[in-house]
Amino acid sequence: MPSGQETMILSFTGATVDEGNRYARDLKDFLVEIDSSIRVEQRRERADAQDFGATLALVLGTTAATALARGIAAWLQRNSGARITVKNASGELVAEGLDSKDVARVVQALSDTR
């Protein structure tokens, strides 16, 4: 992976398989739309599963953290009740019920887990 890039895994805590698949597809499309520099791949939890996958793998550069945080906050506003767990090599963050005033805190939390 090129210097300055990081991989993060997003999953949907407490969601059913169907909800997780729908959330993953919707958030993937939303994040790519707001910042094309974020590479997003939808993954299955198990290789033998029939679903499209309820987990997203993201590769983003250092400048994409703000776009990611804004995207997660905006997406959570549209999908009340959803919870997203963001994991990377140094830790994890659970996000739910965010709004625009929370973006700075999410960016800081994402930076702290790097």
PDB file of N, CA and C in Angstrom:
ATOM      1  N   MET A   1       0.860  -1.180   0.000  1.00  0.00           N
ATOM      2  CA  MET A   1       0.000   0.000   0.000  1.00  0.00           C
ATOM      3  C   MET A   1       0.900   1.234   0.000  1.00  0.00           C
ATOM      4  N   PRO A   2       0.615   2.215  -0.819  1.00  0.00           N
ATOM      5  CA  PRO A   2       1.430   3.418  -0.884  1.00  0.00           C
ATOM      6  C   PRO A   2       1.469   4.154   0.453  1.00  0.00           C
ATOM      7  N   SER A   3       2.557   4.858   0.682  1.00  0.00           N
ATOM      8  CA  SER A   3       2.713   5.645   1.899  1.00  0.00           C
ATOM      9  C   SER A   3       1.583   6.669   2.008  1.00  0.00           C
ATOM     10  N   GLY A   4       1.102   6.890   3.239  1.00  0.00           N
ATOM     11  CA  GLY A   4       0.048   7.867   3.449  1.00  0.00           C
ATOM     12  C   GLY A   4      -1.341   7.299   3.248  1.00  0.00           C
ATOM     13  N   GLN A   5      -1.440   5.993   2.950  1.00  0.00           N
ATOM     14  CA  GLN A   5      -2.748   5.384   2.788  1.00  0.00           C
ATOM     15  C   GLN A   5      -2.995   4.399   3.916  1.00  0.00           C
ATOM     16  N   GLU A   6      -4.269   4.211   4.206  1.00  0.00           N
ATOM     17  CA  GLU A   6      -4.646   3.324   5.290  1.00  0.00           C
ATOM     18  C   GLU A   6      -5.873   2.532   4.885  1.00  0.00           C
ATOM     19  N   THR A   7      -5.951   1.310   5.396  1.00  0.00           N
ATOM     20  CA  THR A   7      -7.127   0.481   5.168  1.00  0.00           C
ATOM     21  C   THR A   7      -7.983   0.500   6.417  1.00  0.00           C
ATOM     22  N   MET A   8      -9.279   0.684   6.230  1.00  0.00           N
ATOM     23  CA  MET A   8     -10.243   0.643   7.325  1.00  0.00           C
ATOM     24  C   MET A   8     -11.348  -0.321   6.946  1.00  0.00           C
ATOM     25  N   ILE A   9     -11.893  -0.999   7.944  1.00  0.00           N
ATOM     26  CA  ILE A   9     -13.004  -1.921   7.750  1.00  0.00           C
ATOM     27  C   ILE A   9     -14.221  -1.333   8.445  1.00  0.00           C
ATOM     28  N   LEU A  10     -15.317  -1.209   7.718  1.00  0.00           N
ATOM     29  CA  LEU A  10     -16.566  -0.710   8.284  1.00  0.00           C
ATOM     30  C   LEU A  10     -17.565  -1.857   8.329  1.00  0.00           C
ATOM     31  N   SER A  11     -18.199  -2.021   9.481  1.00  0.00           N
ATOM     32  CA  SER A  11     -19.250  -3.022   9.615  1.00  0.00           C
ATOM     33  C   SER A  11     -20.430  -2.371  10.316  1.00  0.00           C
ATOM     34  N   PHE A  12     -21.554  -3.023  10.264  1.00  0.00           N
ATOM     35  CA  PHE A  12     -22.808  -2.446  10.746  1.00  0.00           C
ATOM     36  C   PHE A  12     -23.285  -3.219  11.967  1.00  0.00           C
ATOM     37  N   THR A  13     -22.886  -2.732  13.122  1.00  0.00           N
ATOM     38  CA  THR A  13     -23.154  -3.364  14.398  1.00  0.00           C
ATOM     39  C   THR A  13     -24.650  -3.490  14.645  1.00  0.00           C
ATOM     40  N   GLY A  14     -25.080  -4.702  14.990  1.00  0.00           N
ATOM     41  CA  GLY A  14     -26.470  -4.925  15.350  1.00  0.00           C
ATOM     42  C   GLY A  14     -27.425  -5.049  14.188  1.00  0.00           C
ATOM     43  N   ALA A  15     -26.938  -4.959  12.955  1.00  0.00           N
ATOM     44  CA  ALA A  15     -27.813  -5.052  11.778  1.00  0.00           C
ATOM     45  C   ALA A  15     -28.028  -6.515  11.397  1.00  0.00           C
ATOM     46  N   THR A  16     -29.206  -6.823  10.859  1.00  0.00           N
ATOM     47  CA  THR A  16     -29.434  -8.144  10.301  1.00  0.00           C
ATOM     48  C   THR A  16     -28.596  -8.290   9.042  1.00  0.00           C
ATOM     49  N   VAL A  17     -28.499  -9.489   8.493  1.00  0.00           N
ATOM     50  CA  VAL A  17     -27.734  -9.706   7.265  1.00  0.00           C
ATOM     51  C   VAL A  17     -28.308  -8.856   6.134  1.00  0.00           C
ATOM     52  N   ASP A  18     -29.639  -8.863   6.002  1.00  0.00           N
ATOM     53  CA  ASP A  18     -30.269  -8.059   4.947  1.00  0.00           C
ATOM     54  C   ASP A  18     -30.003  -6.569   5.129  1.00  0.00           C
ATOM     55  N   GLU A  19     -30.164  -6.072   6.367  1.00  0.00           N
ATOM     56  CA  GLU A  19     -29.890  -4.651   6.640  1.00  0.00           C
ATOM     57  C   GLU A  19     -28.429  -4.334   6.361  1.00  0.00           C
ATOM     58  N   GLY A  20     -27.527  -5.190   6.839  1.00  0.00           N
ATOM     59  CA  GLY A  20     -26.102  -4.968   6.633  1.00  0.00           C
ATOM     60  C   GLY A  20     -25.733  -4.887   5.166  1.00  0.00           C
ATOM     61  N   ASN A  21     -26.304  -5.782   4.354  1.00  0.00           N
ATOM     62  CA  ASN A  21     -26.056  -5.746   2.903  1.00  0.00           C
ATOM     63  C   ASN A  21     -26.547  -4.439   2.300  1.00  0.00           C
ATOM     64  N   ARG A  22     -27.753  -4.041   2.681  1.00  0.00           N
ATOM     65  CA  ARG A  22     -28.335  -2.802   2.149  1.00  0.00           C
ATOM     66  C   ARG A  22     -27.519  -1.598   2.607  1.00  0.00           C
ATOM     67  N   TYR A  23     -27.182  -1.559   3.906  1.00  0.00           N
ATOM     68  CA  TYR A  23     -26.371  -0.459   4.439  1.00  0.00           C
ATOM     69  C   TYR A  23     -25.026  -0.385   3.721  1.00  0.00           C
ATOM     70  N   ALA A  24     -24.369  -1.536   3.545  1.00  0.00           N
ATOM     71  CA  ALA A  24     -23.041  -1.558   2.918  1.00  0.00           C
ATOM     72  C   ALA A  24     -23.110  -1.033   1.492  1.00  0.00           C
ATOM     73  N   ARG A  25     -24.084  -1.496   0.724  1.00  0.00           N
ATOM     74  CA  ARG A  25     -24.232  -1.052  -0.668  1.00  0.00           C
ATOM     75  C   ARG A  25     -24.504   0.450  -0.737  1.00  0.00           C
ATOM     76  N   ASP A  26     -25.404   0.914   0.136  1.00  0.00           N
ATOM     77  CA  ASP A  26     -25.786   2.322   0.136  1.00  0.00           C
ATOM     78  C   ASP A  26     -24.624   3.217   0.571  1.00  0.00           C
ATOM     79  N   LEU A  27     -23.936   2.842   1.649  1.00  0.00           N
ATOM     80  CA  LEU A  27     -22.817   3.652   2.132  1.00  0.00           C
ATOM     81  C   LEU A  27     -21.662   3.636   1.131  1.00  0.00           C
ATOM     82  N   LYS A  28     -21.408   2.491   0.516  1.00  0.00           N
ATOM     83  CA  LYS A  28     -20.355   2.410  -0.504  1.00  0.00           C
ATOM     84  C   LYS A  28     -20.627   3.419  -1.623  1.00  0.00           C
ATOM     85  N   ASP A  29     -21.841   3.382  -2.158  1.00  0.00           N
ATOM     86  CA  ASP A  29     -22.200   4.311  -3.233  1.00  0.00           C
ATOM     87  C   ASP A  29     -22.088   5.762  -2.773  1.00  0.00           C
ATOM     88  N   PHE A  30     -22.530   6.030  -1.559  1.00  0.00           N
ATOM     89  CA  PHE A  30     -22.510   7.392  -1.017  1.00  0.00           C
ATOM     90  C   PHE A  30     -21.083   7.899  -0.849  1.00  0.00           C
ATOM     91  N   LEU A  31     -20.184   7.084  -0.281  1.00  0.00           N
ATOM     92  CA  LEU A  31     -18.805   7.519  -0.047  1.00  0.00           C
ATOM     93  C   LEU A  31     -18.056   7.764  -1.358  1.00  0.00           C
ATOM     94  N   VAL A  32     -18.248   6.908  -2.338  1.00  0.00           N
ATOM     95  CA  VAL A  32     -17.589   7.087  -3.632  1.00  0.00           C
ATOM     96  C   VAL A  32     -18.079   8.360  -4.309  1.00  0.00           C
ATOM     97  N   GLU A  33     -19.356   8.657  -4.115  1.00  0.00           N
ATOM     98  CA  GLU A  33     -19.929   9.868  -4.702  1.00  0.00           C
ATOM     99  C   GLU A  33     -19.345  11.140  -4.088  1.00  0.00           C
ATOM    100  N   ILE A  34     -19.084  11.134  -2.768  1.00  0.00           N
ATOM    101  CA  ILE A  34     -18.590  12.351  -2.128  1.00  0.00           C
ATOM    102  C   ILE A  34     -17.080  12.533  -2.254  1.00  0.00           C
ATOM    103  N   ASP A  35     -16.319  11.423  -2.415  1.00  0.00           N
ATOM    104  CA  ASP A  35     -14.869  11.548  -2.568  1.00  0.00           C
ATOM    105  C   ASP A  35     -14.350  10.347  -3.361  1.00  0.00           C
ATOM    106  N   SER A  36     -14.050  10.577  -4.602  1.00  0.00           N
ATOM    107  CA  SER A  36     -13.615   9.485  -5.477  1.00  0.00           C
ATOM    108  C   SER A  36     -12.226   8.950  -5.128  1.00  0.00           C
ATOM    109  N   SER A  37     -11.509   9.622  -4.229  1.00  0.00           N
ATOM    110  CA  SER A  37     -10.189   9.123  -3.835  1.00  0.00           C
ATOM    111  C   SER A  37     -10.287   7.989  -2.810  1.00  0.00           C
ATOM    112  N   ILE A  38     -11.475   7.784  -2.236  1.00  0.00           N
ATOM    113  CA  ILE A  38     -11.677   6.680  -1.297  1.00  0.00           C
ATOM    114  C   ILE A  38     -12.006   5.435  -2.110  1.00  0.00           C
ATOM    115  N   ARG A  39     -11.183   4.402  -1.966  1.00  0.00           N
ATOM    116  CA  ARG A  39     -11.463   3.127  -2.628  1.00  0.00           C
ATOM    117  C   ARG A  39     -12.282   2.270  -1.671  1.00  0.00           C
ATOM    118  N   VAL A  40     -13.448   1.821  -2.129  1.00  0.00           N
ATOM    119  CA  VAL A  40     -14.374   1.069  -1.277  1.00  0.00           C
ATOM    120  C   VAL A  40     -14.701  -0.263  -1.935  1.00  0.00           C
ATOM    121  N   GLU A  41     -14.602  -1.332  -1.150  1.00  0.00           N
ATOM    122  CA  GLU A  41     -14.925  -2.673  -1.634  1.00  0.00           C
ATOM    123  C   GLU A  41     -15.902  -3.315  -0.662  1.00  0.00           C
ATOM    124  N   GLN A  42     -17.007  -3.829  -1.172  1.00  0.00           N
ATOM    125  CA  GLN A  42     -17.980  -4.526  -0.339  1.00  0.00           C
ATOM    126  C   GLN A  42     -17.527  -5.976  -0.207  1.00  0.00           C
ATOM    127  N   ARG A  43     -17.512  -6.495   1.037  1.00  0.00           N
ATOM    128  CA  ARG A  43     -17.013  -7.849   1.283  1.00  0.00           C
ATOM    129  C   ARG A  43     -18.026  -8.685   2.056  1.00  0.00           C
ATOM    130  N   ARG A  44     -17.947  -9.964   1.833  1.00  0.00           N
ATOM    131  CA  ARG A  44     -18.753 -10.920   2.586  1.00  0.00           C
ATOM    132  C   ARG A  44     -18.033 -11.275   3.878  1.00  0.00           C
ATOM    133  N   GLU A  45     -18.830 -11.566   4.913  1.00  0.00           N
ATOM    134  CA  GLU A  45     -18.248 -12.037   6.171  1.00  0.00           C
ATOM    135  C   GLU A  45     -17.667 -13.438   5.977  1.00  0.00           C
ATOM    136  N   ARG A  46     -18.391 -14.271   5.202  1.00  0.00           N
ATOM    137  CA  ARG A  46     -17.964 -15.644   4.951  1.00  0.00           C
ATOM    138  C   ARG A  46     -17.948 -15.879   3.442  1.00  0.00           C
ATOM    139  N   ALA A  47     -16.942 -16.584   2.965  1.00  0.00           N
ATOM    140  CA  ALA A  47     -16.803 -16.841   1.531  1.00  0.00           C
ATOM    141  C   ALA A  47     -17.942 -17.694   0.983  1.00  0.00           C
ATOM    142  N   ASP A  48     -18.547 -18.543   1.826  1.00  0.00           N
ATOM    143  CA  ASP A  48     -19.615 -19.420   1.355  1.00  0.00           C
ATOM    144  C   ASP A  48     -21.002 -18.780   1.459  1.00  0.00           C
ATOM    145  N   ALA A  49     -21.067 -17.535   1.860  1.00  0.00           N
ATOM    146  CA  ALA A  49     -22.352 -16.838   2.004  1.00  0.00           C
ATOM    147  C   ALA A  49     -22.889 -16.422   0.644  1.00  0.00           C
ATOM    148  N   GLN A  50     -24.213 -16.361   0.531  1.00  0.00           N
ATOM    149  CA  GLN A  50     -24.872 -15.979  -0.712  1.00  0.00           C
ATOM    150  C   GLN A  50     -25.021 -14.460  -0.853  1.00  0.00           C
ATOM    151  N   ASP A  51     -24.885 -13.730   0.249  1.00  0.00           N
ATOM    152  CA  ASP A  51     -25.139 -12.288   0.217  1.00  0.00           C
ATOM    153  C   ASP A  51     -23.999 -11.532  -0.454  1.00  0.00           C
ATOM    154  N   PHE A  52     -24.240 -10.258  -0.717  1.00  0.00           N
ATOM    155  CA  PHE A  52     -23.234  -9.403  -1.345  1.00  0.00           C
ATOM    156  C   PHE A  52     -22.159  -8.968  -0.369  1.00  0.00           C
ATOM    157  N   GLY A  53     -22.459  -8.971   0.903  1.00  0.00           N
ATOM    158  CA  GLY A  53     -21.502  -8.604   1.926  1.00  0.00           C
ATOM    159  C   GLY A  53     -21.946  -7.408   2.730  1.00  0.00           C
ATOM    160  N   ALA A  54     -21.788  -7.510   4.039  1.00  0.00           N
ATOM    161  CA  ALA A  54     -22.220  -6.450   4.946  1.00  0.00           C
ATOM    162  C   ALA A  54     -21.033  -5.713   5.547  1.00  0.00           C
ATOM    163  N   THR A  55     -19.858  -5.870   4.946  1.00  0.00           N
ATOM    164  CA  THR A  55     -18.651  -5.212   5.422  1.00  0.00           C
ATOM    165  C   THR A  55     -18.046  -4.422   4.270  1.00  0.00           C
ATOM    166  N   LEU A  56     -17.524  -3.244   4.594  1.00  0.00           N
ATOM    167  CA  LEU A  56     -16.835  -2.435   3.588  1.00  0.00           C
ATOM    168  C   LEU A  56     -15.367  -2.325   3.955  1.00  0.00           C
ATOM    169  N   ALA A  57     -14.494  -2.504   2.980  1.00  0.00           N
ATOM    170  CA  ALA A  57     -13.070  -2.259   3.153  1.00  0.00           C
ATOM    171  C   ALA A  57     -12.747  -0.980   2.407  1.00  0.00           C
ATOM    172  N   LEU A  58     -12.134  -0.034   3.085  1.00  0.00           N
ATOM    173  CA  LEU A  58     -11.806   1.257   2.499  1.00  0.00           C
ATOM    174  C   LEU A  58     -10.306   1.459   2.502  1.00  0.00           C
ATOM    175  N   VAL A  59      -9.801   2.010   1.415  1.00  0.00           N
ATOM    176  CA  VAL A  59      -8.407   2.450   1.364  1.00  0.00           C
ATOM    177  C   VAL A  59      -8.473   3.938   1.094  1.00  0.00           C
ATOM    178  N   LEU A  60      -7.896   4.710   2.006  1.00  0.00           N
ATOM    179  CA  LEU A  60      -7.965   6.158   1.840  1.00  0.00           C
ATOM    180  C   LEU A  60      -6.647   6.808   2.175  1.00  0.00           C
ATOM    181  N   GLY A  61      -6.401   7.913   1.519  1.00  0.00           N
ATOM    182  CA  GLY A  61      -5.219   8.715   1.791  1.00  0.00           C
ATOM    183  C   GLY A  61      -5.452   9.593   3.006  1.00  0.00           C
ATOM    184  N   THR A  62      -4.423  10.250   3.446  1.00  0.00           N
ATOM    185  CA  THR A  62      -4.512  11.058   4.664  1.00  0.00           C
ATOM    186  C   THR A  62      -5.521  12.191   4.542  1.00  0.00           C
ATOM    187  N   THR A  63      -5.706  12.736   3.358  1.00  0.00           N
ATOM    188  CA  THR A  63      -6.649  13.843   3.206  1.00  0.00           C
ATOM    189  C   THR A  63      -8.103  13.385   3.139  1.00  0.00           C
ATOM    190  N   ALA A  64      -8.329  12.088   2.995  1.00  0.00           N
ATOM    191  CA  ALA A  64      -9.695  11.584   2.854  1.00  0.00           C
ATOM    192  C   ALA A  64     -10.389  11.375   4.197  1.00  0.00           C
ATOM    193  N   ALA A  65      -9.691  11.497   5.323  1.00  0.00           N
ATOM    194  CA  ALA A  65     -10.316  11.267   6.633  1.00  0.00           C
ATOM    195  C   ALA A  65     -11.476  12.228   6.883  1.00  0.00           C
ATOM    196  N   THR A  66     -11.315  13.475   6.502  1.00  0.00           N
ATOM    197  CA  THR A  66     -12.396  14.449   6.695  1.00  0.00           C
ATOM    198  C   THR A  66     -13.594  14.090   5.832  1.00  0.00           C
ATOM    199  N   ALA A  67     -13.361  13.732   4.579  1.00  0.00           N
ATOM    200  CA  ALA A  67     -14.459  13.340   3.693  1.00  0.00           C
ATOM    201  C   ALA A  67     -15.149  12.092   4.224  1.00  0.00           C
ATOM    202  N   LEU A  68     -14.377  11.138   4.729  1.00  0.00           N
ATOM    203  CA  LEU A  68     -14.956   9.923   5.304  1.00  0.00           C
ATOM    204  C   LEU A  68     -15.822  10.253   6.507  1.00  0.00           C
ATOM    205  N   ALA A  69     -15.314  11.086   7.413  1.00  0.00           N
ATOM    206  CA  ALA A  69     -16.076  11.463   8.606  1.00  0.00           C
ATOM    207  C   ALA A  69     -17.365  12.187   8.234  1.00  0.00           C
ATOM    208  N   ARG A  70     -17.277  13.116   7.299  1.00  0.00           N
ATOM    209  CA  ARG A  70     -18.480  13.834   6.839  1.00  0.00           C
ATOM    210  C   ARG A  70     -19.470  12.867   6.185  1.00  0.00           C
ATOM    211  N   GLY A  71     -18.941  11.955   5.396  1.00  0.00           N
ATOM    212  CA  GLY A  71     -19.792  10.973   4.731  1.00  0.00           C
ATOM    213  C   GLY A  71     -20.502  10.062   5.717  1.00  0.00           C
ATOM    214  N   ILE A  72     -19.774   9.583   6.718  1.00  0.00           N
ATOM    215  CA  ILE A  72     -20.383   8.722   7.735  1.00  0.00           C
ATOM    216  C   ILE A  72     -21.450   9.489   8.499  1.00  0.00           C
ATOM    217  N   ALA A  73     -21.155  10.721   8.904  1.00  0.00           N
ATOM    218  CA  ALA A  73     -22.131  11.527   9.648  1.00  0.00           C
ATOM    219  C   ALA A  73     -23.384  11.767   8.820  1.00  0.00           C
ATOM    220  N   ALA A  74     -23.215  12.145   7.548  1.00  0.00           N
ATOM    221  CA  ALA A  74     -24.369  12.406   6.674  1.00  0.00           C
ATOM    222  C   ALA A  74     -25.167  11.130   6.435  1.00  0.00           C
ATOM    223  N   TRP A  75     -24.476  10.017   6.232  1.00  0.00           N
ATOM    224  CA  TRP A  75     -25.160   8.756   5.985  1.00  0.00           C
ATOM    225  C   TRP A  75     -25.945   8.308   7.217  1.00  0.00           C
ATOM    226  N   LEU A  76     -25.343   8.462   8.399  1.00  0.00           N
ATOM    227  CA  LEU A  76     -26.038   8.078   9.629  1.00  0.00           C
ATOM    228  C   LEU A  76     -27.269   8.948   9.873  1.00  0.00           C
ATOM    229  N   GLN A  77     -27.226  10.215   9.464  1.00  0.00           N
ATOM    230  CA  GLN A  77     -28.406  11.073   9.591  1.00  0.00           C
ATOM    231  C   GLN A  77     -29.550  10.520   8.757  1.00  0.00           C
ATOM    232  N   ARG A  78     -29.245  10.012   7.579  1.00  0.00           N
ATOM    233  CA  ARG A  78     -30.269   9.454   6.692  1.00  0.00           C
ATOM    234  C   ARG A  78     -30.725   8.065   7.123  1.00  0.00           C
ATOM    235  N   ASN A  79     -29.936   7.382   7.921  1.00  0.00           N
ATOM    236  CA  ASN A  79     -30.216   6.001   8.321  1.00  0.00           C
ATOM    237  C   ASN A  79     -30.230   5.902   9.838  1.00  0.00           C
ATOM    238  N   SER A  80     -31.185   6.587  10.452  1.00  0.00           N
ATOM    239  CA  SER A  80     -31.246   6.604  11.914  1.00  0.00           C
ATOM    240  C   SER A  80     -31.368   5.181  12.446  1.00  0.00           C
ATOM    241  N   GLY A  81     -30.692   4.933  13.537  1.00  0.00           N
ATOM    242  CA  GLY A  81     -30.700   3.613  14.144  1.00  0.00           C
ATOM    243  C   GLY A  81     -29.521   2.757  13.708  1.00  0.00           C
ATOM    244  N   ALA A  82     -28.872   3.114  12.607  1.00  0.00           N
ATOM    245  CA  ALA A  82     -27.714   2.342  12.145  1.00  0.00           C
ATOM    246  C   ALA A  82     -26.506   2.670  13.010  1.00  0.00           C
ATOM    247  N   ARG A  83     -25.667   1.662  13.222  1.00  0.00           N
ATOM    248  CA  ARG A  83     -24.403   1.836  13.944  1.00  0.00           C
ATOM    249  C   ARG A  83     -23.287   1.312  13.059  1.00  0.00           C
ATOM    250  N   ILE A  84     -22.233   2.085  12.937  1.00  0.00           N
ATOM    251  CA  ILE A  84     -21.090   1.687  12.114  1.00  0.00           C
ATOM    252  C   ILE A  84     -19.882   1.508  13.023  1.00  0.00           C
ATOM    253  N   THR A  85     -19.214   0.383  12.874  1.00  0.00           N
ATOM    254  CA  THR A  85     -17.948   0.160  13.553  1.00  0.00           C
ATOM    255  C   THR A  85     -16.846   0.332  12.519  1.00  0.00           C
ATOM    256  N   VAL A  86     -15.891   1.212  12.809  1.00  0.00           N
ATOM    257  CA  VAL A  86     -14.754   1.475  11.930  1.00  0.00           C
ATOM    258  C   VAL A  86     -13.524   0.896  12.606  1.00  0.00           C
ATOM    259  N   LYS A  87     -12.856  -0.044  11.923  1.00  0.00           N
ATOM    260  CA  LYS A  87     -11.657  -0.682  12.482  1.00  0.00           C
ATOM    261  C   LYS A  87     -10.481  -0.418  11.558  1.00  0.00           C
ATOM    262  N   ASN A  88      -9.333  -0.201  12.200  1.00  0.00           N
ATOM    263  CA  ASN A  88      -8.090  -0.146  11.442  1.00  0.00           C
ATOM    264  C   ASN A  88      -7.025  -0.859  12.255  1.00  0.00           C
ATOM    265  N   ALA A  89      -5.785  -0.789  11.825  1.00  0.00           N
ATOM    266  CA  ALA A  89      -4.718  -1.542  12.487  1.00  0.00           C
ATOM    267  C   ALA A  89      -4.524  -1.153  13.944  1.00  0.00           C
ATOM    268  N   SER A  90      -4.887   0.073  14.325  1.00  0.00           N
ATOM    269  CA  SER A  90      -4.630   0.505  15.695  1.00  0.00           C
ATOM    270  C   SER A  90      -5.836   0.614  16.606  1.00  0.00           C
ATOM    271  N   GLY A  91      -7.014   0.289  16.134  1.00  0.00           N
ATOM    272  CA  GLY A  91      -8.158   0.374  17.040  1.00  0.00           C
ATOM    273  C   GLY A  91      -9.478   0.382  16.303  1.00  0.00           C
ATOM    274  N   GLU A  92     -10.511   0.723  17.053  1.00  0.00           N
ATOM    275  CA  GLU A  92     -11.833   0.783  16.442  1.00  0.00           C
ATOM    276  C   GLU A  92     -12.659   1.897  17.049  1.00  0.00           C
ATOM    277  N   LEU A  93     -13.646   2.337  16.281  1.00  0.00           N
ATOM    278  CA  LEU A  93     -14.531   3.425  16.649  1.00  0.00           C
ATOM    279  C   LEU A  93     -15.942   2.992  16.282  1.00  0.00           C
ATOM    280  N   VAL A  94     -16.896   3.155  17.214  1.00  0.00           N
ATOM    281  CA  VAL A  94     -18.294   2.877  16.910  1.00  0.00           C
ATOM    282  C   VAL A  94     -19.011   4.207  16.778  1.00  0.00           C
ATOM    283  N   ALA A  95     -19.700   4.406  15.638  1.00  0.00           N
ATOM    284  CA  ALA A  95     -20.389   5.668  15.364  1.00  0.00           C
ATOM    285  C   ALA A  95     -21.879   5.407  15.205  1.00  0.00           C
ATOM    286  N   GLU A  96     -22.679   6.244  15.850  1.00  0.00           N
ATOM    287  CA  GLU A  96     -24.128   6.179  15.674  1.00  0.00           C
ATOM    288  C   GLU A  96     -24.723   7.526  16.039  1.00  0.00           C
ATOM    289  N   GLY A  97     -25.826   7.863  15.405  1.00  0.00           N
ATOM    290  CA  GLY A  97     -26.551   9.086  15.723  1.00  0.00           C
ATOM    291  C   GLY A  97     -25.739  10.359  15.575  1.00  0.00           C
ATOM    292  N   LEU A  98     -24.843  10.413  14.588  1.00  0.00           N
ATOM    293  CA  LEU A  98     -23.995  11.592  14.408  1.00  0.00           C
ATOM    294  C   LEU A  98     -24.701  12.656  13.597  1.00  0.00           C
ATOM    295  N   ASP A  99     -24.290  13.903  13.792  1.00  0.00           N
ATOM    296  CA  ASP A  99     -24.726  14.968  12.901  1.00  0.00           C
ATOM    297  C   ASP A  99     -23.510  15.817  12.554  1.00  0.00           C
ATOM    298  N   SER A 100     -23.716  16.878  11.826  1.00  0.00           N
ATOM    299  CA  SER A 100     -22.594  17.649  11.294  1.00  0.00           C
ATOM    300  C   SER A 100     -21.668  18.191  12.374  1.00  0.00           C
ATOM    301  N   LYS A 101     -22.188  18.480  13.551  1.00  0.00           N
ATOM    302  CA  LYS A 101     -21.321  19.006  14.616  1.00  0.00           C
ATOM    303  C   LYS A 101     -20.353  17.945  15.151  1.00  0.00           C
ATOM    304  N   ASP A 102     -20.610  16.672  14.851  1.00  0.00           N
ATOM    305  CA  ASP A 102     -19.757  15.593  15.331  1.00  0.00           C
ATOM    306  C   ASP A 102     -18.596  15.272  14.391  1.00  0.00           C
ATOM    307  N   VAL A 103     -18.580  15.860  13.207  1.00  0.00           N
ATOM    308  CA  VAL A 103     -17.578  15.516  12.204  1.00  0.00           C
ATOM    309  C   VAL A 103     -16.167  15.737  12.730  1.00  0.00           C
ATOM    310  N   ALA A 104     -15.916  16.852  13.373  1.00  0.00           N
ATOM    311  CA  ALA A 104     -14.566  17.147  13.884  1.00  0.00           C
ATOM    312  C   ALA A 104     -14.108  16.069  14.868  1.00  0.00           C
ATOM    313  N   ARG A 105     -15.012  15.617  15.725  1.00  0.00           N
ATOM    314  CA  ARG A 105     -14.660  14.561  16.693  1.00  0.00           C
ATOM    315  C   ARG A 105     -14.368  13.238  15.994  1.00  0.00           C
ATOM    316  N   VAL A 106     -15.130  12.932  14.956  1.00  0.00           N
ATOM    317  CA  VAL A 106     -14.893  11.689  14.217  1.00  0.00           C
ATOM    318  C   VAL A 106     -13.547  11.758  13.486  1.00  0.00           C
ATOM    319  N   VAL A 107     -13.253  12.881  12.851  1.00  0.00           N
ATOM    320  CA  VAL A 107     -11.961  13.051  12.179  1.00  0.00           C
ATOM    321  C   VAL A 107     -10.829  12.862  13.186  1.00  0.00           C
ATOM    322  N   GLN A 108     -10.954  13.471  14.350  1.00  0.00           N
ATOM    323  CA  GLN A 108      -9.922  13.323  15.384  1.00  0.00           C
ATOM    324  C   GLN A 108      -9.786  11.875  15.822  1.00  0.00           C
ATOM    325  N   ALA A 109     -10.918  11.193  16.022  1.00  0.00           N
ATOM    326  CA  ALA A 109     -10.884   9.797  16.436  1.00  0.00           C
ATOM    327  C   ALA A 109     -10.244   8.919  15.368  1.00  0.00           C
ATOM    328  N   LEU A 110     -10.571   9.151  14.096  1.00  0.00           N
ATOM    329  CA  LEU A 110      -9.947   8.405  13.017  1.00  0.00           C
ATOM    330  C   LEU A 110      -8.440   8.672  12.960  1.00  0.00           C
ATOM    331  N   SER A 111      -8.044   9.898  13.191  1.00  0.00           N
ATOM    332  CA  SER A 111      -6.616  10.241  13.195  1.00  0.00           C
ATOM    333  C   SER A 111      -5.911   9.610  14.372  1.00  0.00           C
ATOM    334  N   ASP A 112      -6.568   9.550  15.519  1.00  0.00           N
ATOM    335  CA  ASP A 112      -5.966   8.965  16.714  1.00  0.00           C
ATOM    336  C   ASP A 112      -5.765   7.464  16.600  1.00  0.00           C
ATOM    337  N   THR A 113      -6.595   6.801  15.776  1.00  0.00           N
ATOM    338  CA  THR A 113      -6.451   5.350  15.641  1.00  0.00           C
ATOM    339  C   THR A 113      -5.429   4.967  14.593  1.00  0.00           C
ATOM    340  N   ARG A 114      -4.809   5.934  13.930  1.00  0.00           N
ATOM    341  CA  ARG A 114      -3.810   5.634  12.903  1.00  0.00           C
ATOM    342  C   ARG A 114      -2.498   5.261  13.525  1.00  0.00           C
TER     343      ARG A 114
END
